[in-house]
Amino acid sequence: MTDNSGLQAVRVRIDEIDEKIQALITERARCAEEVARQKGSGADVVYYRPEREAQVLRTVMARNEGPLSDEAMARLFREIMSSCLALQYPMKIAFLGPVGTFTQAAADKHFGNAVTTVPLAAIDEIFREVESGSAHYGVVPVENSTEGVVNHTLDMFMNSPLNICGEVELRIHHNLMSKTRELKSIRKLYVHHQAHAQCRGWLDANLVGIDYAVVSSNAEAARCAAEEAGAAAIAGDKAAEIYGLEILASNIEDEPDNTTRFLVIGNHLAQPSGKDKTSLLVSTANSPGALHKLLKVFADNDISMTRIESRPSRRGMWDYVFFIDIEGHVQLPAVAAALSTLGSGGYMVKVLGSYPDAVL
């Protein structure tokens, strides 16, 4: 038998706590409005400060004592921060569409749900939208833990003036979805090439002999499947919800730790947050030992390199540039010294951005 009096007492206590939480959120929002007044207005005013947000979320996670997980607590604060920032400066965020893609999920994870997200058809369109000022920031995929880099994103940085000012890591769960409720009724699968590669083992074991149609995104696959009888798609939960599809099989990716990294691009540079990463584009002459000398500069300055990729420079046959991620902010003395050494050594170095490590 439930102790109704005890349950009622707990509910009364919850109501009291909710009232206090609401009052504190209101006070925080008024402080956000005061921040906007202190900053003033104008083209040079920067309202979104990724380094400040990263510091706040790290502090939230460090002082968390449960029972909610660190990530759950940080997500709650992310939404509070998102709503407060919207009071200061409503932001428009461009992402790789259509609606329901993992890129949109990454944008929501990084900025919260108080921003306006704008779906665009291609990565180069996102860069152009942000460069023109039509969107304040953009979110683009850059690499997957199993399928490697997104070359189109890297290539866009060669000529773009935009900076990387944040990163998002998103755990990717692929689901098979359809209007039909039975696997045996599926005759066609709409799929993005990355999703197909990440789910190849499951598909070979469970969907043999059906037609495949490669589309531009997972959300586009879901949209197509919603319009055709006997068709299915591979996409995320949000796409199933948006396009009214039934999930027939969940988490069909071959690698359980399948993760995609996304970059936040904008016109501003992020300041140091205490735990940062710097992305570089480096070009060197095609000569013996050139790459070894390049890497030695980072080793001599005790700088850890977390990623290196080569891409054709498009300036001549067999001429390449290197995309490099290193630990630390460009304002750190060791990083600044390494970049100075590279510059004086004949390397062409372009700093793509220094930004906080992904928090969530």
Protein backbone atom coordinates (compact mmCIF):
# COMPACT_ATOMS: atom_id res chain seq x y z
CA MET A 1 0.00 0.00 0.00
CA THR A 2 1.44 3.39 -1.00
CA ASP A 3 1.86 5.91 1.81
CA ASN A 4 -0.20 8.68 0.20
CA SER A 5 0.69 11.20 2.90
CA GLY A 6 4.42 10.57 2.36
CA LEU A 7 4.05 10.83 -1.42
CA GLN A 8 2.10 14.05 -1.12
CA ALA A 9 4.82 15.53 1.11
CA VAL A 10 7.45 14.75 -1.53
CA ARG A 11 5.32 16.35 -4.23
CA VAL A 12 4.90 19.48 -2.13
CA ARG A 13 8.68 19.62 -1.68
CA ILE A 14 9.17 19.22 -5.46
CA ASP A 15 6.79 22.11 -6.10
CA GLU A 16 8.75 24.29 -3.68
CA ILE A 17 12.03 23.39 -5.37
CA ASP A 18 10.57 24.03 -8.83
CA GLU A 19 9.50 27.50 -7.72
CA LYS A 20 13.02 28.28 -6.53
CA ILE A 21 14.56 26.90 -9.73
CA GLN A 22 12.23 29.03 -11.84
CA ALA A 23 13.06 32.15 -9.82
CA LEU A 24 16.81 31.51 -10.24
CA ILE A 25 16.47 30.90 -13.99
CA THR A 26 14.56 34.18 -14.27
CA GLU A 27 17.34 35.94 -12.35
CA ARG A 28 19.94 34.39 -14.62
CA ALA A 29 18.02 35.55 -17.70
CA ARG A 30 17.93 39.11 -16.34
CA CYS A 31 21.69 38.94 -15.83
CA ALA A 32 22.01 37.86 -19.48
CA GLU A 33 20.01 40.92 -20.50
CA GLU A 34 22.36 43.08 -18.43
CA VAL A 35 25.34 41.51 -20.17
CA ALA A 36 23.82 42.57 -23.48
CA ARG A 37 23.36 46.13 -22.20
CA GLN A 38 26.96 46.23 -20.96
CA LYS A 39 28.29 45.00 -24.29
CA GLY A 40 26.22 47.45 -26.30
CA SER A 41 25.55 46.94 -29.96
CA GLY A 42 27.44 47.09 -33.22
CA ALA A 43 29.13 44.89 -35.77
CA ASP A 44 32.18 44.28 -33.56
CA VAL A 45 30.26 43.05 -30.51
CA VAL A 46 30.61 39.28 -29.94
CA TYR A 47 27.77 37.76 -27.93
CA TYR A 48 28.48 34.06 -28.43
CA ARG A 49 31.62 33.11 -26.51
CA PRO A 50 32.39 29.40 -27.00
CA GLU A 51 35.28 29.49 -24.52
CA ARG A 52 33.02 30.91 -21.79
CA GLU A 53 30.30 28.34 -22.45
CA ALA A 54 32.85 25.50 -22.37
CA GLN A 55 34.17 26.75 -19.02
CA VAL A 56 30.66 26.92 -17.55
CA LEU A 57 29.75 23.40 -18.71
CA ARG A 58 33.02 21.95 -17.44
CA THR A 59 32.39 23.55 -14.04
CA VAL A 60 28.85 22.17 -13.98
CA MET A 61 30.12 18.67 -14.66
CA ALA A 62 32.96 18.96 -12.13
CA ARG A 63 30.69 19.97 -9.24
CA ASN A 64 27.91 17.49 -10.08
CA GLU A 65 27.25 15.06 -7.24
CA GLY A 66 24.50 12.98 -8.89
CA PRO A 67 22.14 11.23 -9.12
CA LEU A 68 21.92 12.80 -12.59
CA SER A 69 24.94 12.04 -14.79
CA ASP A 70 27.45 14.75 -15.64
CA GLU A 71 26.21 14.75 -19.23
CA ALA A 72 22.55 15.05 -18.22
CA MET A 73 23.32 17.96 -15.90
CA ALA A 74 25.37 19.70 -18.59
CA ARG A 75 22.54 19.29 -21.12
CA LEU A 76 20.15 21.04 -18.74
CA PHE A 77 22.54 23.95 -18.35
CA ARG A 78 23.13 24.01 -22.10
CA GLU A 79 19.43 24.76 -22.65
CA ILE A 80 19.42 27.45 -19.97
CA MET A 81 22.45 29.07 -21.56
CA SER A 82 20.88 28.79 -25.01
CA SER A 83 17.69 30.53 -23.91
CA CYS A 84 19.59 33.26 -22.09
CA LEU A 85 21.84 33.91 -25.08
CA ALA A 86 18.75 34.20 -27.29
CA LEU A 87 17.65 37.13 -25.11
CA GLN A 88 20.90 38.89 -25.96
CA TYR A 89 21.36 37.85 -29.56
CA PRO A 90 19.02 35.50 -31.47
CA MET A 91 21.32 33.39 -33.65
CA LYS A 92 20.85 31.63 -36.97
CA ILE A 93 22.85 28.41 -37.42
CA ALA A 94 23.32 26.80 -40.84
CA PHE A 95 23.63 23.02 -41.02
CA LEU A 96 23.80 20.27 -43.62
CA GLY A 97 20.16 19.42 -44.33
CA PRO A 98 17.48 18.51 -44.84
CA VAL A 99 15.75 18.66 -41.45
CA GLY A 100 16.51 15.58 -39.35
CA THR A 101 20.19 15.01 -40.21
CA PHE A 102 22.87 14.14 -37.68
CA THR A 103 24.39 17.55 -38.46
CA GLN A 104 21.23 19.19 -37.14
CA ALA A 105 21.47 17.00 -34.04
CA ALA A 106 25.07 18.23 -33.61
CA ALA A 107 23.92 21.86 -33.96
CA ASP A 108 21.22 21.30 -31.33
CA LYS A 109 23.72 19.63 -29.01
CA HIS A 110 26.21 22.50 -29.27
CA PHE A 111 23.91 25.54 -29.36
CA GLY A 112 20.77 24.27 -27.62
CA ASN A 113 17.25 24.65 -28.97
CA ALA A 114 16.83 28.42 -28.61
CA VAL A 115 18.60 29.14 -31.91
CA THR A 116 17.13 29.11 -35.41
CA THR A 117 18.61 26.27 -37.47
CA VAL A 118 18.70 26.58 -41.26
CA PRO A 119 19.06 23.44 -43.42
CA LEU A 120 21.24 23.77 -46.52
CA ALA A 121 21.82 21.26 -49.29
CA ALA A 122 25.63 21.19 -49.40
CA ILE A 123 28.71 21.93 -47.30
CA ASP A 124 29.89 24.73 -49.61
CA GLU A 125 26.49 26.42 -49.18
CA ILE A 126 27.01 26.45 -45.41
CA PHE A 127 30.38 28.17 -45.81
CA ARG A 128 28.90 30.76 -48.18
CA GLU A 129 25.93 31.43 -45.89
CA VAL A 130 28.23 32.17 -42.94
CA GLU A 131 30.74 34.13 -45.00
CA SER A 132 27.97 36.39 -46.30
CA GLY A 133 26.56 36.98 -42.83
CA SER A 134 23.23 35.34 -43.66
CA ALA A 135 23.93 32.85 -40.86
CA HIS A 136 25.91 33.60 -37.72
CA TYR A 137 27.57 30.19 -37.54
CA GLY A 138 27.58 26.90 -39.41
CA VAL A 139 27.98 23.26 -38.40
CA VAL A 140 29.72 20.87 -40.79
CA PRO A 141 30.85 17.23 -40.45
CA VAL A 142 34.61 16.71 -40.59
CA GLU A 143 35.36 13.09 -39.68
CA ASN A 144 33.86 9.80 -38.62
CA SER A 145 35.57 7.35 -36.28
CA THR A 146 35.14 4.44 -38.71
CA GLU A 147 34.96 6.03 -42.17
CA GLY A 148 37.56 8.82 -41.82
CA VAL A 149 37.51 12.45 -42.93
CA VAL A 150 34.92 14.39 -44.90
CA ASN A 151 37.15 15.66 -47.69
CA HIS A 152 34.73 18.31 -48.94
CA THR A 153 34.84 20.06 -45.55
CA LEU A 154 38.65 20.08 -45.50
CA ASP A 155 38.84 21.38 -49.05
CA MET A 156 36.55 24.32 -48.24
CA PHE A 157 38.99 25.61 -45.63
CA MET A 158 41.70 26.16 -48.25
CA ASN A 159 40.08 29.33 -49.55
CA SER A 160 37.57 30.27 -46.88
CA PRO A 161 38.25 33.15 -44.44
CA LEU A 162 36.11 31.48 -41.77
CA ASN A 163 37.47 30.27 -38.45
CA ILE A 164 36.78 27.08 -36.54
CA CYS A 165 35.37 28.20 -33.20
CA GLY A 166 34.03 24.96 -31.77
CA GLU A 167 33.68 21.21 -32.19
CA VAL A 168 30.95 18.68 -31.46
CA GLU A 169 31.28 14.93 -31.05
CA LEU A 170 28.08 13.02 -31.71
CA ARG A 171 27.55 9.34 -31.03
CA ILE A 172 25.93 7.99 -34.20
CA HIS A 173 23.12 5.44 -33.90
CA HIS A 174 21.72 4.22 -37.21
CA ASN A 175 18.21 2.82 -37.44
CA LEU A 176 16.36 1.02 -40.21
CA MET A 177 12.99 2.71 -40.72
CA SER A 178 10.06 2.39 -43.06
CA LYS A 179 6.31 2.87 -43.46
CA THR A 180 6.02 -0.90 -43.57
CA ARG A 181 6.29 -2.91 -40.36
CA GLU A 182 8.06 -6.02 -41.71
CA LEU A 183 11.57 -6.52 -43.06
CA LYS A 184 10.35 -9.00 -45.67
CA SER A 185 8.18 -6.30 -47.27
CA ILE A 186 11.14 -3.99 -47.99
CA ARG A 187 12.09 -3.82 -51.67
CA LYS A 188 14.28 -0.71 -51.77
CA LEU A 189 16.68 1.03 -49.37
CA TYR A 190 17.48 4.74 -49.50
CA VAL A 191 20.84 5.34 -47.86
CA HIS A 192 23.69 7.84 -47.59
CA HIS A 193 27.02 6.33 -48.62
CA GLN A 194 28.54 6.90 -45.16
CA ALA A 195 25.59 5.20 -43.43
CA HIS A 196 25.81 2.29 -45.85
CA ALA A 197 29.51 1.82 -45.08
CA GLN A 198 28.90 2.05 -41.32
CA CYS A 199 26.09 -0.58 -41.43
CA ARG A 200 27.44 -2.91 -44.10
CA GLY A 201 27.67 -5.97 -41.85
CA TRP A 202 24.07 -5.71 -40.63
CA LEU A 203 22.76 -5.03 -44.14
CA ASP A 204 24.60 -8.02 -45.61
CA ALA A 205 23.09 -10.25 -42.94
CA ASN A 206 19.54 -8.91 -42.94
CA LEU A 207 18.69 -7.19 -46.24
CA VAL A 208 19.92 -9.28 -49.14
CA GLY A 209 18.89 -8.78 -52.75
CA ILE A 210 17.13 -5.42 -52.46
CA ASP A 211 17.75 -2.29 -54.52
CA TYR A 212 19.87 0.51 -53.08
CA ALA A 213 19.46 4.21 -53.86
CA VAL A 214 22.26 6.48 -52.65
CA VAL A 215 21.07 9.92 -51.49
CA SER A 216 22.71 13.08 -50.13
CA SER A 217 21.93 12.59 -46.43
CA ASN A 218 20.27 10.30 -43.92
CA ALA A 219 17.34 12.68 -43.55
CA GLU A 220 16.85 12.72 -47.32
CA ALA A 221 16.78 8.92 -47.20
CA ALA A 222 14.02 9.06 -44.60
CA ARG A 223 12.06 11.59 -46.65
CA CYS A 224 12.24 9.38 -49.74
CA ALA A 225 11.25 6.25 -47.82
CA ALA A 226 8.22 8.07 -46.42
CA GLU A 227 6.94 8.71 -49.94
CA GLU A 228 7.33 5.22 -51.41
CA ALA A 229 5.63 1.97 -50.50
CA GLY A 230 8.03 -0.88 -49.74
CA ALA A 231 10.96 1.51 -49.22
CA ALA A 232 13.15 1.86 -46.16
CA ALA A 233 15.91 4.20 -45.00
CA ILE A 234 18.82 4.32 -42.60
CA ALA A 235 18.70 7.41 -40.38
CA GLY A 236 18.54 8.67 -36.81
CA ASP A 237 15.66 8.79 -34.35
CA LYS A 238 14.81 12.40 -35.16
CA ALA A 239 14.36 11.65 -38.86
CA ALA A 240 11.95 8.81 -38.04
CA GLU A 241 9.91 11.18 -35.89
CA ILE A 242 9.89 13.99 -38.47
CA TYR A 243 8.94 11.82 -41.43
CA GLY A 244 6.55 9.48 -39.63
CA LEU A 245 8.48 6.26 -40.09
CA GLU A 246 8.47 3.09 -38.01
CA ILE A 247 11.85 1.99 -36.65
CA LEU A 248 12.24 -1.68 -37.59
CA ALA A 249 15.75 -2.17 -36.21
CA SER A 250 17.77 0.07 -33.87
CA ASN A 251 21.53 0.66 -33.58
CA ILE A 252 22.44 -1.31 -36.70
CA GLU A 253 25.89 0.32 -37.04
CA ASP A 254 28.72 -2.21 -37.16
CA GLU A 255 30.95 -0.36 -34.68
CA PRO A 256 29.42 0.28 -31.23
CA ASP A 257 31.52 3.42 -30.70
CA ASN A 258 30.65 4.98 -34.06
CA THR A 259 31.14 8.74 -33.57
CA THR A 260 31.18 11.71 -35.91
CA ARG A 261 33.04 14.94 -35.22
CA PHE A 262 31.56 18.22 -36.41
CA LEU A 263 33.10 21.69 -36.60
CA VAL A 264 31.45 25.00 -35.77
CA ILE A 265 32.54 27.69 -38.25
CA GLY A 266 32.18 31.44 -37.90
CA ASN A 267 33.81 34.81 -38.42
CA HIS A 268 35.22 35.18 -34.90
CA LEU A 269 38.17 33.65 -33.07
CA ALA A 270 37.58 31.89 -29.77
CA GLN A 271 39.70 32.89 -26.78
CA PRO A 272 41.48 30.32 -24.56
CA SER A 273 39.18 28.17 -22.41
CA GLY A 274 41.86 26.19 -20.58
CA LYS A 275 41.45 23.03 -22.65
CA ASP A 276 41.69 23.82 -26.33
CA LYS A 277 42.65 22.53 -29.73
CA THR A 278 44.16 24.34 -32.71
CA SER A 279 43.59 23.36 -36.34
CA LEU A 280 46.19 24.25 -38.96
CA LEU A 281 46.64 24.08 -42.69
CA VAL A 282 50.32 23.66 -43.54
CA SER A 283 51.98 23.54 -46.93
CA THR A 284 55.59 22.58 -47.56
CA ALA A 285 57.85 22.04 -50.51
CA ASN A 286 57.98 18.50 -51.88
CA SER A 287 61.48 17.75 -50.65
CA PRO A 288 63.17 14.92 -48.70
CA GLY A 289 62.53 15.15 -44.97
CA ALA A 290 60.05 18.04 -45.21
CA LEU A 291 57.29 16.25 -43.29
CA HIS A 292 59.76 14.96 -40.69
CA LYS A 293 61.02 18.50 -40.06
CA LEU A 294 57.45 19.72 -39.76
CA LEU A 295 56.52 17.14 -37.15
CA LYS A 296 59.77 17.70 -35.25
CA VAL A 297 58.81 21.32 -34.62
CA PHE A 298 55.78 20.16 -32.62
CA ALA A 299 57.79 17.52 -30.77
CA ASP A 300 60.51 20.05 -29.87
CA ASN A 301 57.86 22.31 -28.33
CA ASP A 302 56.21 19.42 -26.45
CA ILE A 303 52.98 19.80 -28.42
CA SER A 304 50.75 16.78 -28.95
CA MET A 305 49.35 16.36 -32.46
CA THR A 306 45.94 14.68 -32.51
CA ARG A 307 45.32 14.44 -36.26
CA ILE A 308 47.07 14.91 -39.61
CA GLU A 309 45.48 14.56 -43.06
CA SER A 310 46.91 15.35 -46.49
CA ARG A 311 44.86 16.80 -49.34
CA PRO A 312 45.79 17.87 -52.89
CA SER A 313 46.52 21.59 -52.90
CA ARG A 314 45.00 22.02 -56.40
CA ARG A 315 47.96 24.25 -57.29
CA GLY A 316 49.85 21.59 -59.17
CA MET A 317 50.11 17.86 -59.72
CA TRP A 318 51.28 15.92 -56.63
CA ASP A 319 51.33 19.10 -54.53
CA TYR A 320 49.73 18.56 -51.11
CA VAL A 321 48.75 20.46 -47.99
CA PHE A 322 48.41 19.03 -44.49
CA PHE A 323 45.49 19.53 -42.14
CA ILE A 324 46.79 19.22 -38.60
CA ASP A 325 45.10 19.32 -35.17
CA ILE A 326 47.26 20.01 -32.13
CA GLU A 327 46.51 20.38 -28.45
CA GLY A 328 46.56 23.90 -27.02
CA HIS A 329 45.42 27.38 -28.01
CA VAL A 330 47.34 29.52 -30.47
CA GLN A 331 47.94 32.06 -27.68
CA LEU A 332 49.89 29.55 -25.59
CA PRO A 333 53.65 30.31 -25.70
CA ALA A 334 54.59 26.80 -26.89
CA VAL A 335 52.07 26.87 -29.74
CA ALA A 336 53.05 30.40 -30.74
CA ALA A 337 56.73 29.40 -30.74
CA ALA A 338 56.05 26.36 -32.93
CA LEU A 339 54.11 28.43 -35.46
CA SER A 340 56.85 31.04 -35.54
CA THR A 341 59.45 28.34 -36.21
CA LEU A 342 57.36 26.90 -39.04
CA GLY A 343 56.89 30.32 -40.60
CA SER A 344 60.58 31.13 -40.52
CA GLY A 345 61.38 27.66 -41.88
CA GLY A 346 59.61 28.24 -45.16
CA TYR A 347 56.31 26.53 -44.36
CA MET A 348 53.05 28.18 -45.34
CA VAL A 349 50.85 28.05 -42.23
CA LYS A 350 47.20 29.03 -41.98
CA VAL A 351 45.59 28.89 -38.54
CA LEU A 352 42.05 27.63 -39.10
CA GLY A 353 41.09 28.28 -35.50
CA SER A 354 41.72 27.62 -31.83
CA TYR A 355 38.65 26.41 -29.96
CA PRO A 356 37.52 24.48 -26.87
CA ASP A 357 37.65 20.70 -26.89
CA ALA A 358 34.19 19.16 -27.19
CA VAL A 359 32.63 19.18 -23.72
CA LEU A 360 29.64 16.87 -24.18
